[in-house]
Each structure stands twice: as C-alpha cells, then as structure tokens.
Amino acid sequence: MAGSRGVQMTLWKVDEGATQRWLAKVGQQLRKGDSAAMALKRAQQHLRQGERFAHPYYWSGFVLLAP
C-alpha cells in the first residue's frame, strides 16, 4: 500500500561498473518517459553495445519484478 511499483534486482553479484552504467541508463530512460520494462531493455542494449560489458554476465542478471 505504501507504493512501490516494482523492484529492480540482480540474479547474481554483478560488476560494480556495469551496475553504475545500468542504473544511470535506466534513470535516464525513465526520465524520458519510458516504461520500466522499456527502460531496462534499453539499459541492457546500452551495456551490450560497449566492448567492456558486452558479455551476458554483465547485463543478463538484471530483472524487474512488477505486478
């Protein structure tokens, strides 16, 4: 009742640098008006494009739990 619309979490311990980039991109997309699911998708795509975080270990562990 207090109001969380969802929870973003990881399925395993993720690299700190990847997490920082992920959260920054998610926030940017949410401010642009994207839905939470679309913001997470775009953050995933953003990490996959870079050479450093292209491996699935860095981006596939992030999930969104929402009603």
N, C-alpha and C. Protein backbone atom coordinates (compact mmCIF):
# COMPACT_ATOMS: atom_id res chain seq x y z
N MET A 1 0.81 -1.19 0.00
CA MET A 1 0.00 0.00 0.00
C MET A 1 0.86 1.26 0.00
N ALA A 2 2.09 1.13 0.45
CA ALA A 2 2.96 2.31 0.51
C ALA A 2 3.37 2.78 -0.87
N GLY A 3 3.44 1.88 -1.83
CA GLY A 3 3.58 2.36 -3.16
C GLY A 3 4.72 1.96 -4.07
N SER A 4 5.47 0.94 -3.80
CA SER A 4 6.49 0.55 -4.77
C SER A 4 5.80 -0.12 -5.96
N ARG A 5 6.12 0.34 -7.16
CA ARG A 5 5.51 -0.23 -8.36
C ARG A 5 6.29 -1.42 -8.89
N GLY A 6 7.45 -1.65 -8.34
CA GLY A 6 8.27 -2.76 -8.78
C GLY A 6 9.61 -2.75 -8.09
N VAL A 7 10.34 -3.82 -8.29
CA VAL A 7 11.67 -3.95 -7.69
C VAL A 7 12.64 -4.38 -8.79
N GLN A 8 13.71 -3.63 -8.89
CA GLN A 8 14.78 -3.98 -9.82
C GLN A 8 15.86 -4.67 -9.00
N MET A 9 16.32 -5.82 -9.49
CA MET A 9 17.30 -6.59 -8.73
C MET A 9 18.18 -7.38 -9.69
N THR A 10 19.18 -8.03 -9.12
CA THR A 10 20.05 -8.89 -9.92
C THR A 10 19.92 -10.32 -9.44
N LEU A 11 20.16 -11.23 -10.35
CA LEU A 11 20.10 -12.65 -10.02
C LEU A 11 21.41 -13.16 -9.45
N TRP A 12 22.48 -12.41 -9.62
CA TRP A 12 23.79 -12.74 -9.08
C TRP A 12 24.56 -11.45 -8.87
N LYS A 13 25.69 -11.53 -8.20
CA LYS A 13 26.53 -10.37 -7.96
C LYS A 13 27.06 -9.88 -9.31
N VAL A 14 26.78 -8.62 -9.62
CA VAL A 14 27.16 -8.04 -10.91
C VAL A 14 28.27 -7.02 -10.68
N ASP A 15 29.14 -6.91 -11.65
CA ASP A 15 30.24 -5.95 -11.61
C ASP A 15 29.74 -4.55 -11.25
N GLU A 16 30.46 -3.86 -10.38
CA GLU A 16 30.06 -2.53 -9.91
C GLU A 16 29.99 -1.52 -11.05
N GLY A 17 30.94 -1.55 -11.94
CA GLY A 17 30.93 -0.62 -13.07
C GLY A 17 29.74 -0.83 -13.98
N ALA A 18 29.40 -2.10 -14.24
CA ALA A 18 28.23 -2.41 -15.06
C ALA A 18 26.95 -1.95 -14.36
N THR A 19 26.88 -2.13 -13.05
CA THR A 19 25.70 -1.71 -12.30
C THR A 19 25.54 -0.20 -12.35
N GLN A 20 26.62 0.53 -12.21
CA GLN A 20 26.55 2.00 -12.27
C GLN A 20 26.03 2.46 -13.63
N ARG A 21 26.55 1.89 -14.69
CA ARG A 21 26.09 2.26 -16.03
C ARG A 21 24.63 1.86 -16.24
N TRP A 22 24.29 0.69 -15.75
CA TRP A 22 22.92 0.19 -15.87
C TRP A 22 21.94 1.15 -15.21
N LEU A 23 22.21 1.49 -13.94
CA LEU A 23 21.31 2.35 -13.20
C LEU A 23 21.22 3.75 -13.81
N ALA A 24 22.33 4.27 -14.28
CA ALA A 24 22.32 5.59 -14.91
C ALA A 24 21.44 5.57 -16.17
N LYS A 25 21.57 4.53 -16.97
CA LYS A 25 20.78 4.44 -18.21
C LYS A 25 19.31 4.22 -17.90
N VAL A 26 18.99 3.39 -16.93
CA VAL A 26 17.60 3.17 -16.54
C VAL A 26 16.98 4.49 -16.09
N GLY A 27 17.67 5.22 -15.23
CA GLY A 27 17.16 6.50 -14.77
C GLY A 27 16.95 7.48 -15.91
N GLN A 28 17.90 7.53 -16.82
CA GLN A 28 17.80 8.42 -17.98
C GLN A 28 16.55 8.07 -18.80
N GLN A 29 16.33 6.80 -19.04
CA GLN A 29 15.19 6.38 -19.85
C GLN A 29 13.86 6.64 -19.14
N LEU A 30 13.83 6.43 -17.83
CA LEU A 30 12.61 6.70 -17.08
C LEU A 30 12.27 8.20 -17.11
N ARG A 31 13.29 9.04 -17.01
CA ARG A 31 13.06 10.49 -17.09
C ARG A 31 12.55 10.91 -18.47
N LYS A 32 12.91 10.15 -19.49
CA LYS A 32 12.43 10.43 -20.85
C LYS A 32 11.00 9.96 -21.06
N GLY A 33 10.48 9.19 -20.09
CA GLY A 33 9.10 8.73 -20.19
C GLY A 33 8.92 7.27 -20.57
N ASP A 34 9.99 6.52 -20.68
CA ASP A 34 9.88 5.09 -20.97
C ASP A 34 9.22 4.36 -19.82
N SER A 35 8.54 3.26 -20.13
CA SER A 35 8.04 2.37 -19.08
C SER A 35 9.24 1.72 -18.41
N ALA A 36 9.02 1.15 -17.24
CA ALA A 36 10.13 0.49 -16.54
C ALA A 36 10.71 -0.64 -17.38
N ALA A 37 9.84 -1.43 -18.01
CA ALA A 37 10.32 -2.55 -18.82
C ALA A 37 11.16 -2.05 -20.00
N MET A 38 10.71 -0.99 -20.65
CA MET A 38 11.46 -0.45 -21.79
C MET A 38 12.78 0.17 -21.32
N ALA A 39 12.77 0.82 -20.18
CA ALA A 39 14.00 1.42 -19.65
C ALA A 39 15.04 0.33 -19.37
N LEU A 40 14.61 -0.79 -18.81
CA LEU A 40 15.53 -1.89 -18.55
C LEU A 40 16.04 -2.50 -19.85
N LYS A 41 15.17 -2.63 -20.82
CA LYS A 41 15.58 -3.17 -22.12
C LYS A 41 16.63 -2.27 -22.77
N ARG A 42 16.40 -0.97 -22.73
CA ARG A 42 17.36 -0.04 -23.34
C ARG A 42 18.67 -0.01 -22.58
N ALA A 43 18.62 -0.17 -21.27
CA ALA A 43 19.85 -0.24 -20.48
C ALA A 43 20.63 -1.50 -20.85
N GLN A 44 19.93 -2.60 -21.05
CA GLN A 44 20.57 -3.84 -21.47
C GLN A 44 21.24 -3.65 -22.82
N GLN A 45 20.54 -3.06 -23.75
CA GLN A 45 21.11 -2.82 -25.08
C GLN A 45 22.33 -1.91 -24.99
N HIS A 46 22.26 -0.91 -24.13
CA HIS A 46 23.37 0.03 -23.95
C HIS A 46 24.62 -0.70 -23.46
N LEU A 47 24.47 -1.57 -22.48
CA LEU A 47 25.62 -2.31 -21.96
C LEU A 47 26.17 -3.29 -23.01
N ARG A 48 25.29 -3.91 -23.77
CA ARG A 48 25.72 -4.87 -24.78
C ARG A 48 26.54 -4.22 -25.89
N GLN A 49 26.29 -2.95 -26.16
CA GLN A 49 27.00 -2.26 -27.23
C GLN A 49 28.45 -1.97 -26.90
N GLY A 50 28.74 -1.77 -25.63
CA GLY A 50 30.11 -1.47 -25.24
C GLY A 50 30.97 -2.73 -25.19
N GLU A 51 32.21 -2.60 -25.50
CA GLU A 51 33.11 -3.75 -25.52
C GLU A 51 33.34 -4.32 -24.12
N ARG A 52 33.46 -3.44 -23.14
CA ARG A 52 33.78 -3.87 -21.78
C ARG A 52 32.69 -4.73 -21.15
N PHE A 53 31.42 -4.39 -21.40
CA PHE A 53 30.31 -5.08 -20.74
C PHE A 53 29.44 -5.88 -21.72
N ALA A 54 29.99 -6.27 -22.86
CA ALA A 54 29.22 -6.98 -23.88
C ALA A 54 28.83 -8.41 -23.46
N HIS A 55 29.64 -9.05 -22.63
CA HIS A 55 29.35 -10.42 -22.22
C HIS A 55 28.07 -10.45 -21.38
N PRO A 56 27.21 -11.47 -21.57
CA PRO A 56 25.95 -11.57 -20.84
C PRO A 56 26.09 -11.53 -19.32
N TYR A 57 27.23 -11.92 -18.80
CA TYR A 57 27.44 -11.86 -17.34
C TYR A 57 27.12 -10.47 -16.80
N TYR A 58 27.46 -9.43 -17.56
CA TYR A 58 27.34 -8.06 -17.08
C TYR A 58 25.93 -7.49 -17.19
N TRP A 59 25.09 -8.00 -18.07
CA TRP A 59 23.78 -7.38 -18.26
C TRP A 59 22.59 -8.32 -18.11
N SER A 60 22.80 -9.63 -18.19
CA SER A 60 21.64 -10.52 -18.17
C SER A 60 21.12 -10.85 -16.77
N GLY A 61 21.83 -10.46 -15.75
CA GLY A 61 21.39 -10.75 -14.39
C GLY A 61 20.39 -9.75 -13.84
N PHE A 62 20.16 -8.64 -14.52
CA PHE A 62 19.23 -7.62 -14.05
C PHE A 62 17.79 -8.01 -14.40
N VAL A 63 16.91 -7.93 -13.43
CA VAL A 63 15.50 -8.25 -13.66
C VAL A 63 14.61 -7.22 -12.98
N LEU A 64 13.36 -7.16 -13.43
CA LEU A 64 12.36 -6.27 -12.85
C LEU A 64 11.20 -7.13 -12.37
N LEU A 65 10.86 -7.00 -11.11
CA LEU A 65 9.68 -7.66 -10.55
C LEU A 65 8.62 -6.60 -10.37
N ALA A 66 7.54 -6.74 -11.11
CA ALA A 66 6.46 -5.76 -11.05
C ALA A 66 5.12 -6.48 -11.17
N PRO A 67 4.10 -5.94 -10.56
CA PRO A 67 2.79 -6.58 -10.64
C PRO A 67 2.21 -6.50 -12.04
